[in-house]
């Protein structure tokens, strides 16, 4: 598991402890059969695709 420290200066022991905790939580989640949250951010959706007639009523001067 890769962890990037963006602020502070943790010791190697603190990083190792954090890695162990996160890996244990990940194992427990897999064993429980919990599916990851659905994240459809950025996915194409028919309602959000480009509509060429969206601005037909616009008046250009």
PDB file of N, CA and C in Angstrom:
ATOM      1  N   UNK A   1       0.859  -1.172   0.000  1.00  0.00           N
ATOM      2  CA  UNK A   1       0.000   0.000   0.000  1.00  0.00           C
ATOM      3  C   UNK A   1       0.900   1.229   0.000  1.00  0.00           C
ATOM      4  N   UNK A   2       0.679   2.102  -0.954  1.00  0.00           N
ATOM      5  CA  UNK A   2       1.466   3.328  -1.051  1.00  0.00           C
ATOM      6  C   UNK A   2       0.737   4.467  -0.353  1.00  0.00           C
ATOM      7  N   UNK A   3       1.444   5.112   0.549  1.00  0.00           N
ATOM      8  CA  UNK A   3       0.889   6.258   1.266  1.00  0.00           C
ATOM      9  C   UNK A   3       1.802   7.439   1.018  1.00  0.00           C
ATOM     10  N   UNK A   4       1.209   8.551   0.638  1.00  0.00           N
ATOM     11  CA  UNK A   4       1.979   9.758   0.387  1.00  0.00           C
ATOM     12  C   UNK A   4       1.700  10.758   1.502  1.00  0.00           C
ATOM     13  N   UNK A   5       2.735  11.212   2.162  1.00  0.00           N
ATOM     14  CA  UNK A   5       2.610  12.198   3.235  1.00  0.00           C
ATOM     15  C   UNK A   5       2.674  13.579   2.599  1.00  0.00           C
ATOM     16  N   UNK A   6       1.619  14.368   2.781  1.00  0.00           N
ATOM     17  CA  UNK A   6       1.579  15.703   2.193  1.00  0.00           C
ATOM     18  C   UNK A   6       1.882  16.791   3.218  1.00  0.00           C
ATOM     19  N   UNK A   7       1.806  16.445   4.498  1.00  0.00           N
ATOM     20  CA  UNK A   7       2.098  17.440   5.520  1.00  0.00           C
ATOM     21  C   UNK A   7       2.552  16.717   6.781  1.00  0.00           C
ATOM     22  N   UNK A   8       3.539  17.241   7.435  1.00  0.00           N
ATOM     23  CA  UNK A   8       4.040  16.628   8.655  1.00  0.00           C
ATOM     24  C   UNK A   8       5.261  15.775   8.379  1.00  0.00           C
ATOM     25  N   UNK A   9       5.744  15.132   9.417  1.00  0.00           N
ATOM     26  CA  UNK A   9       6.942  14.322   9.300  1.00  0.00           C
ATOM     27  C   UNK A   9       6.776  13.072  10.159  1.00  0.00           C
ATOM     28  N   UNK A  10       5.954  12.110   9.714  1.00  0.00           N
ATOM     29  CA  UNK A  10       5.744  10.907  10.518  1.00  0.00           C
ATOM     30  C   UNK A  10       6.985  10.012  10.506  1.00  0.00           C
ATOM     31  N   UNK A  11       7.140   9.248  11.570  1.00  0.00           N
ATOM     32  CA  UNK A  11       8.254   8.314  11.652  1.00  0.00           C
ATOM     33  C   UNK A  11       7.923   7.062  10.855  1.00  0.00           C
ATOM     34  N   UNK A  12       8.929   6.240  10.632  1.00  0.00           N
ATOM     35  CA  UNK A  12       8.713   4.980   9.924  1.00  0.00           C
ATOM     36  C   UNK A  12       7.743   4.086  10.693  1.00  0.00           C
ATOM     37  N   UNK A  13       7.827   4.110  12.014  1.00  0.00           N
ATOM     38  CA  UNK A  13       6.929   3.293  12.842  1.00  0.00           C
ATOM     39  C   UNK A  13       5.480   3.756  12.694  1.00  0.00           C
ATOM     40  N   UNK A  14       5.265   5.062  12.637  1.00  0.00           N
ATOM     41  CA  UNK A  14       3.904   5.584  12.465  1.00  0.00           C
ATOM     42  C   UNK A  14       3.346   5.210  11.097  1.00  0.00           C
ATOM     43  N   UNK A  15       4.172   5.302  10.061  1.00  0.00           N
ATOM     44  CA  UNK A  15       3.718   4.913   8.724  1.00  0.00           C
ATOM     45  C   UNK A  15       3.420   3.420   8.650  1.00  0.00           C
ATOM     46  N   UNK A  16       4.245   2.623   9.305  1.00  0.00           N
ATOM     47  CA  UNK A  16       4.018   1.180   9.316  1.00  0.00           C
ATOM     48  C   UNK A  16       2.717   0.842  10.039  1.00  0.00           C
ATOM     49  N   UNK A  17       2.453   1.508  11.153  1.00  0.00           N
ATOM     50  CA  UNK A  17       1.221   1.267  11.901  1.00  0.00           C
ATOM     51  C   UNK A  17       0.002   1.665  11.074  1.00  0.00           C
ATOM     52  N   UNK A  18       0.079   2.799  10.409  1.00  0.00           N
ATOM     53  CA  UNK A  18      -1.029   3.246   9.574  1.00  0.00           C
ATOM     54  C   UNK A  18      -1.269   2.273   8.427  1.00  0.00           C
ATOM     55  N   UNK A  19      -0.210   1.809   7.800  1.00  0.00           N
ATOM     56  CA  UNK A  19      -0.337   0.846   6.704  1.00  0.00           C
ATOM     57  C   UNK A  19      -1.000  -0.439   7.181  1.00  0.00           C
ATOM     58  N   UNK A  20      -0.610  -0.918   8.358  1.00  0.00           N
ATOM     59  CA  UNK A  20      -1.209  -2.144   8.895  1.00  0.00           C
ATOM     60  C   UNK A  20      -2.696  -1.963   9.166  1.00  0.00           C
ATOM     61  N   UNK A  21      -3.067  -0.833   9.724  1.00  0.00           N
ATOM     62  CA  UNK A  21      -4.480  -0.578  10.021  1.00  0.00           C
ATOM     63  C   UNK A  21      -5.294  -0.522   8.729  1.00  0.00           C
ATOM     64  N   UNK A  22      -4.787   0.187   7.733  1.00  0.00           N
ATOM     65  CA  UNK A  22      -5.524   0.302   6.475  1.00  0.00           C
ATOM     66  C   UNK A  22      -5.618  -1.032   5.746  1.00  0.00           C
ATOM     67  N   UNK A  23      -4.555  -1.825   5.779  1.00  0.00           N
ATOM     68  CA  UNK A  23      -4.596  -3.140   5.140  1.00  0.00           C
ATOM     69  C   UNK A  23      -5.566  -4.064   5.853  1.00  0.00           C
ATOM     70  N   UNK A  24      -5.621  -3.992   7.182  1.00  0.00           N
ATOM     71  CA  UNK A  24      -6.571  -4.805   7.937  1.00  0.00           C
ATOM     72  C   UNK A  24      -8.005  -4.415   7.608  1.00  0.00           C
ATOM     73  N   UNK A  25      -8.280  -3.130   7.524  1.00  0.00           N
ATOM     74  CA  UNK A  25      -9.625  -2.682   7.157  1.00  0.00           C
ATOM     75  C   UNK A  25      -9.998  -3.145   5.752  1.00  0.00           C
ATOM     76  N   UNK A  26      -9.029  -3.111   4.850  1.00  0.00           N
ATOM     77  CA  UNK A  26      -9.269  -3.561   3.479  1.00  0.00           C
ATOM     78  C   UNK A  26      -9.581  -5.065   3.459  1.00  0.00           C
ATOM     79  N   UNK A  27      -8.834  -5.864   4.229  1.00  0.00           N
ATOM     80  CA  UNK A  27      -9.090  -7.309   4.295  1.00  0.00           C
ATOM     81  C   UNK A  27     -10.467  -7.596   4.870  1.00  0.00           C
ATOM     82  N   UNK A  28     -10.830  -6.895   5.942  1.00  0.00           N
ATOM     83  CA  UNK A  28     -12.146  -7.100   6.567  1.00  0.00           C
ATOM     84  C   UNK A  28     -13.273  -6.759   5.603  1.00  0.00           C
ATOM     85  N   UNK A  29     -13.094  -5.712   4.832  1.00  0.00           N
ATOM     86  CA  UNK A  29     -14.125  -5.310   3.872  1.00  0.00           C
ATOM     87  C   UNK A  29     -14.287  -6.373   2.786  1.00  0.00           C
ATOM     88  N   UNK A  30     -13.167  -6.920   2.305  1.00  0.00           N
ATOM     89  CA  UNK A  30     -13.241  -7.971   1.287  1.00  0.00           C
ATOM     90  C   UNK A  30     -13.907  -9.226   1.834  1.00  0.00           C
ATOM     91  N   UNK A  31     -13.564  -9.604   3.066  1.00  0.00           N
ATOM     92  CA  UNK A  31     -14.158 -10.793   3.665  1.00  0.00           C
ATOM     93  C   UNK A  31     -15.651 -10.621   3.910  1.00  0.00           C
ATOM     94  N   UNK A  32     -16.071  -9.411   4.213  1.00  0.00           N
ATOM     95  CA  UNK A  32     -17.486  -9.143   4.471  1.00  0.00           C
ATOM     96  C   UNK A  32     -18.283  -9.097   3.172  1.00  0.00           C
ATOM     97  N   UNK A  33     -17.611  -9.032   2.044  1.00  0.00           N
ATOM     98  CA  UNK A  33     -18.310  -9.001   0.766  1.00  0.00           C
ATOM     99  C   UNK A  33     -18.920  -7.648   0.450  1.00  0.00           C
ATOM    100  N   UNK A  34     -18.408  -6.608   1.056  1.00  0.00           N
ATOM    101  CA  UNK A  34     -18.930  -5.265   0.815  1.00  0.00           C
ATOM    102  C   UNK A  34     -18.434  -4.765  -0.531  1.00  0.00           C
ATOM    103  N   UNK A  35     -19.348  -4.344  -1.367  1.00  0.00           N
ATOM    104  CA  UNK A  35     -18.995  -3.807  -2.671  1.00  0.00           C
ATOM    105  C   UNK A  35     -18.554  -2.354  -2.518  1.00  0.00           C
ATOM    106  N   UNK A  36     -17.590  -1.924  -3.318  1.00  0.00           N
ATOM    107  CA  UNK A  36     -17.194  -0.511  -3.247  1.00  0.00           C
ATOM    108  C   UNK A  36     -18.345   0.404  -3.685  1.00  0.00           C
ATOM    109  N   UNK A  37     -18.303   1.617  -3.217  1.00  0.00           N
ATOM    110  CA  UNK A  37     -19.322   2.581  -3.584  1.00  0.00           C
ATOM    111  C   UNK A  37     -19.294   2.821  -5.080  1.00  0.00           C
ATOM    112  N   UNK A  38     -20.469   2.991  -5.661  1.00  0.00           N
ATOM    113  CA  UNK A  38     -20.557   3.290  -7.088  1.00  0.00           C
ATOM    114  C   UNK A  38     -20.096   4.726  -7.306  1.00  0.00           C
ATOM    115  N   UNK A  39     -19.114   4.876  -8.136  1.00  0.00           N
ATOM    116  CA  UNK A  39     -18.600   6.200  -8.433  1.00  0.00           C
ATOM    117  C   UNK A  39     -18.672   6.398  -9.935  1.00  0.00           C
ATOM    118  N   UNK A  40     -19.680   7.077 -10.386  1.00  0.00           N
ATOM    119  CA  UNK A  40     -19.883   7.282 -11.811  1.00  0.00           C
ATOM    120  C   UNK A  40     -19.458   8.676 -12.240  1.00  0.00           C
ATOM    121  N   UNK A  41     -18.612   9.307 -11.435  1.00  0.00           N
ATOM    122  CA  UNK A  41     -18.176  10.649 -11.767  1.00  0.00           C
ATOM    123  C   UNK A  41     -17.428  10.628 -13.086  1.00  0.00           C
ATOM    124  N   UNK A  42     -17.821  11.481 -13.996  1.00  0.00           N
ATOM    125  CA  UNK A  42     -17.155  11.587 -15.282  1.00  0.00           C
ATOM    126  C   UNK A  42     -17.659  10.606 -16.322  1.00  0.00           C
ATOM    127  N   UNK A  43     -18.548   9.705 -15.946  1.00  0.00           N
ATOM    128  CA  UNK A  43     -19.065   8.735 -16.913  1.00  0.00           C
ATOM    129  C   UNK A  43     -20.089   9.422 -17.820  1.00  0.00           C
ATOM    130  N   UNK A  44     -20.080   9.027 -19.079  1.00  0.00           N
ATOM    131  CA  UNK A  44     -21.040   9.597 -20.024  1.00  0.00           C
ATOM    132  C   UNK A  44     -22.449   9.144 -19.654  1.00  0.00           C
ATOM    133  N   UNK A  45     -23.368  10.046 -19.728  1.00  0.00           N
ATOM    134  CA  UNK A  45     -24.767   9.760 -19.426  1.00  0.00           C
ATOM    135  C   UNK A  45     -25.600  10.369 -20.550  1.00  0.00           C
ATOM    136  N   UNK A  46     -26.627   9.674 -21.005  1.00  0.00           N
ATOM    137  CA  UNK A  46     -27.408  10.213 -22.128  1.00  0.00           C
ATOM    138  C   UNK A  46     -27.952  11.619 -21.893  1.00  0.00           C
ATOM    139  N   UNK A  47     -28.286  11.949 -20.664  1.00  0.00           N
ATOM    140  CA  UNK A  47     -28.842  13.270 -20.379  1.00  0.00           C
ATOM    141  C   UNK A  47     -27.782  14.361 -20.404  1.00  0.00           C
ATOM    142  N   UNK A  48     -26.520  13.989 -20.294  1.00  0.00           N
ATOM    143  CA  UNK A  48     -25.470  14.998 -20.231  1.00  0.00           C
ATOM    144  C   UNK A  48     -24.628  15.065 -21.501  1.00  0.00           C
ATOM    145  N   UNK A  49     -24.994  14.293 -22.509  1.00  0.00           N
ATOM    146  CA  UNK A  49     -24.221  14.334 -23.745  1.00  0.00           C
ATOM    147  C   UNK A  49     -24.557  15.601 -24.516  1.00  0.00           C
ATOM    148  N   UNK A  50     -23.724  15.936 -25.476  1.00  0.00           N
ATOM    149  CA  UNK A  50     -23.891  17.151 -26.253  1.00  0.00           C
ATOM    150  C   UNK A  50     -25.194  17.114 -27.054  1.00  0.00           C
ATOM    151  N   UNK A  51     -25.947  18.185 -26.976  1.00  0.00           N
ATOM    152  CA  UNK A  51     -27.192  18.312 -27.711  1.00  0.00           C
ATOM    153  C   UNK A  51     -27.013  19.410 -28.750  1.00  0.00           C
ATOM    154  N   UNK A  52     -26.952  19.073 -30.031  1.00  0.00           N
ATOM    155  CA  UNK A  52     -26.716  20.104 -31.047  1.00  0.00           C
ATOM    156  C   UNK A  52     -27.867  21.104 -31.188  1.00  0.00           C
ATOM    157  N   UNK A  53     -29.025  20.790 -30.679  1.00  0.00           N
ATOM    158  CA  UNK A  53     -30.180  21.692 -30.792  1.00  0.00           C
ATOM    159  C   UNK A  53     -30.448  22.465 -29.502  1.00  0.00           C
ATOM    160  N   UNK A  54     -29.509  22.447 -28.580  1.00  0.00           N
ATOM    161  CA  UNK A  54     -29.717  23.086 -27.289  1.00  0.00           C
ATOM    162  C   UNK A  54     -29.878  24.599 -27.405  1.00  0.00           C
ATOM    163  N   UNK A  55     -29.246  25.238 -28.404  1.00  0.00           N
ATOM    164  CA  UNK A  55     -29.281  26.688 -28.498  1.00  0.00           C
ATOM    165  C   UNK A  55     -29.920  27.162 -29.795  1.00  0.00           C
ATOM    166  N   UNK A  56     -30.843  26.386 -30.336  1.00  0.00           N
ATOM    167  CA  UNK A  56     -31.528  26.780 -31.571  1.00  0.00           C
ATOM    168  C   UNK A  56     -32.319  28.079 -31.399  1.00  0.00           C
ATOM    169  N   UNK A  57     -32.836  28.322 -30.200  1.00  0.00           N
ATOM    170  CA  UNK A  57     -33.659  29.496 -29.997  1.00  0.00           C
ATOM    171  C   UNK A  57     -32.833  30.751 -29.665  1.00  0.00           C
ATOM    172  N   UNK A  58     -31.537  30.622 -29.610  1.00  0.00           N
ATOM    173  CA  UNK A  58     -30.704  31.775 -29.285  1.00  0.00           C
ATOM    174  C   UNK A  58     -30.682  32.766 -30.442  1.00  0.00           C
ATOM    175  N   UNK A  59     -30.784  34.016 -30.111  1.00  0.00           N
ATOM    176  CA  UNK A  59     -30.738  35.069 -31.137  1.00  0.00           C
ATOM    177  C   UNK A  59     -29.333  35.658 -31.183  1.00  0.00           C
ATOM    178  N   UNK A  60     -28.730  35.672 -32.342  1.00  0.00           N
ATOM    179  CA  UNK A  60     -27.388  36.230 -32.488  1.00  0.00           C
ATOM    180  C   UNK A  60     -27.506  37.576 -33.183  1.00  0.00           C
ATOM    181  N   UNK A  61     -26.952  38.596 -32.591  1.00  0.00           N
ATOM    182  CA  UNK A  61     -27.047  39.943 -33.146  1.00  0.00           C
ATOM    183  C   UNK A  61     -25.812  40.293 -33.885  1.00  0.00           C
TER     184      UNK A  61
END
